[in-house]
Amino acid sequence: MTLHRIPEGTLIRILEVSVGHHLRRSLSQLGIQIGDVVHVQRHVPYGGPVLVEHWGTQVALGRSLAKRIRVELVD
C-alpha cells in the first residue's frame, strides 16, 4: 500500500520510495529514509500534502510523492 492511502493517526514503516535520486536525496535531507517509522498526522484536503511526524518533526510530503512511497502498518 502507498502512503497517500493510509488513514490519519496510523504508524507506518517506509518500505520503498519509487522516485529518482534527487527526490530520494531530498527525503533523506528531511531525515526520512527507507525503514523509518513515521506517524501519519493529516491529509490536507483538495490534493494537498500528507503531513507526517518523524522524530518529533512534522514534514509535509506532496500528494504525488506520497503516492510513490510504499509502506506497511506498524503495530
C-alpha atoms as a PDB file:
ATOM      1  CA  MET A   1       0.000   0.000   0.000  1.00  0.00           C
ATOM      2  CA  THR A   2       1.129   3.575  -0.507  1.00  0.00           C
ATOM      3  CA  LEU A   3       1.385   6.469   1.932  1.00  0.00           C
ATOM      4  CA  HIS A   4      -1.415   8.551   0.413  1.00  0.00           C
ATOM      5  CA  ARG A   5      -3.967   5.804   1.282  1.00  0.00           C
ATOM      6  CA  ILE A   6      -3.031   5.425   4.967  1.00  0.00           C
ATOM      7  CA  PRO A   7      -5.564   6.822   7.469  1.00  0.00           C
ATOM      8  CA  GLU A   8      -4.624   9.657   9.778  1.00  0.00           C
ATOM      9  CA  GLY A   9      -3.248   8.581  13.156  1.00  0.00           C
ATOM     10  CA  THR A  10      -1.519   5.465  11.809  1.00  0.00           C
ATOM     11  CA  LEU A  11       2.084   4.388  12.419  1.00  0.00           C
ATOM     12  CA  ILE A  12       3.794   3.112   9.290  1.00  0.00           C
ATOM     13  CA  ARG A  13       7.215   1.881   8.165  1.00  0.00           C
ATOM     14  CA  ILE A  14       8.629   3.109   4.861  1.00  0.00           C
ATOM     15  CA  LEU A  15       9.482   0.174   2.605  1.00  0.00           C
ATOM     16  CA  GLU A  16      10.291   1.690  -0.773  1.00  0.00           C
ATOM     17  CA  VAL A  17      10.455   5.080  -2.436  1.00  0.00           C
ATOM     18  CA  SER A  18       9.853   4.874  -6.194  1.00  0.00           C
ATOM     19  CA  VAL A  19      11.356   8.206  -7.246  1.00  0.00           C
ATOM     20  CA  GLY A  20      14.575   9.409  -8.765  1.00  0.00           C
ATOM     21  CA  HIS A  21      17.832  10.005  -6.955  1.00  0.00           C
ATOM     22  CA  HIS A  22      17.141  13.737  -6.495  1.00  0.00           C
ATOM     23  CA  LEU A  23      13.836  13.264  -4.622  1.00  0.00           C
ATOM     24  CA  ARG A  24      15.223  10.364  -2.608  1.00  0.00           C
ATOM     25  CA  ARG A  25      18.101  12.616  -1.502  1.00  0.00           C
ATOM     26  CA  SER A  26      15.615  15.367  -0.600  1.00  0.00           C
ATOM     27  CA  LEU A  27      13.710  12.928   1.621  1.00  0.00           C
ATOM     28  CA  SER A  28      16.976  11.874   3.220  1.00  0.00           C
ATOM     29  CA  GLN A  29      17.795  15.507   3.966  1.00  0.00           C
ATOM     30  CA  LEU A  30      14.432  15.755   5.712  1.00  0.00           C
ATOM     31  CA  GLY A  31      15.524  12.782   7.822  1.00  0.00           C
ATOM     32  CA  ILE A  32      13.200  10.246   6.194  1.00  0.00           C
ATOM     33  CA  GLN A  33      14.749   7.022   4.908  1.00  0.00           C
ATOM     34  CA  ILE A  34      13.682   3.506   4.000  1.00  0.00           C
ATOM     35  CA  GLY A  35      12.991   1.516   7.170  1.00  0.00           C
ATOM     36  CA  ASP A  36      11.965   4.546   9.231  1.00  0.00           C
ATOM     37  CA  VAL A  37       8.730   4.523  11.232  1.00  0.00           C
ATOM     38  CA  VAL A  38       6.596   7.644  10.860  1.00  0.00           C
ATOM     39  CA  HIS A  39       3.205   8.763  12.179  1.00  0.00           C
ATOM     40  CA  VAL A  40       0.637   9.888   9.589  1.00  0.00           C
ATOM     41  CA  GLN A  41      -0.887  13.024  11.082  1.00  0.00           C
ATOM     42  CA  ARG A  42      -3.096  14.594   8.452  1.00  0.00           C
ATOM     43  CA  HIS A  43      -4.196  14.536   4.830  1.00  0.00           C
ATOM     44  CA  VAL A  44      -4.676  18.119   3.678  1.00  0.00           C
ATOM     45  CA  PRO A  45      -7.859  18.276   1.567  1.00  0.00           C
ATOM     46  CA  TYR A  46      -8.134  19.040  -2.161  1.00  0.00           C
ATOM     47  CA  GLY A  47      -4.973  17.191  -3.172  1.00  0.00           C
ATOM     48  CA  GLY A  48      -2.777  18.881  -0.582  1.00  0.00           C
ATOM     49  CA  PRO A  49       0.184  17.250   1.126  1.00  0.00           C
ATOM     50  CA  VAL A  50       0.265  14.388   3.599  1.00  0.00           C
ATOM     51  CA  LEU A  51       1.626  15.541   6.953  1.00  0.00           C
ATOM     52  CA  VAL A  52       3.772  13.015   8.798  1.00  0.00           C
ATOM     53  CA  GLU A  53       5.736  13.196  12.031  1.00  0.00           C
ATOM     54  CA  HIS A  54       9.204  11.718  12.254  1.00  0.00           C
ATOM     55  CA  TRP A  55      11.388  12.072  15.358  1.00  0.00           C
ATOM     56  CA  GLY A  56       9.253  14.951  16.644  1.00  0.00           C
ATOM     57  CA  THR A  57       9.390  16.914  13.390  1.00  0.00           C
ATOM     58  CA  GLN A  58       6.364  17.418  11.174  1.00  0.00           C
ATOM     59  CA  VAL A  59       7.059  17.044   7.454  1.00  0.00           C
ATOM     60  CA  ALA A  60       4.683  17.808   4.570  1.00  0.00           C
ATOM     61  CA  LEU A  61       5.012  15.390   1.655  1.00  0.00           C
ATOM     62  CA  GLY A  62       3.329  16.281  -1.616  1.00  0.00           C
ATOM     63  CA  ARG A  63       0.463  14.015  -2.631  1.00  0.00           C
ATOM     64  CA  SER A  64       2.236  12.876  -5.816  1.00  0.00           C
ATOM     65  CA  LEU A  65       5.304  11.904  -3.767  1.00  0.00           C
ATOM     66  CA  ALA A  66       3.129  10.151  -1.157  1.00  0.00           C
ATOM     67  CA  LYS A  67       1.654   8.015  -3.961  1.00  0.00           C
ATOM     68  CA  ARG A  68       5.176   6.708  -4.687  1.00  0.00           C
ATOM     69  CA  ILE A  69       6.092   5.736  -1.125  1.00  0.00           C
ATOM     70  CA  ARG A  70       5.271   2.085  -0.339  1.00  0.00           C
ATOM     71  CA  VAL A  71       4.630   1.449   3.356  1.00  0.00           C
ATOM     72  CA  GLU A  72       3.480  -1.178   5.862  1.00  0.00           C
ATOM     73  CA  LEU A  73       1.458  -0.748   9.040  1.00  0.00           C
ATOM     74  CA  VAL A  74       3.271  -0.898  12.381  1.00  0.00           C
ATOM     75  CA  ASP A  75       1.502  -2.401  15.394  1.00  0.00           C
END
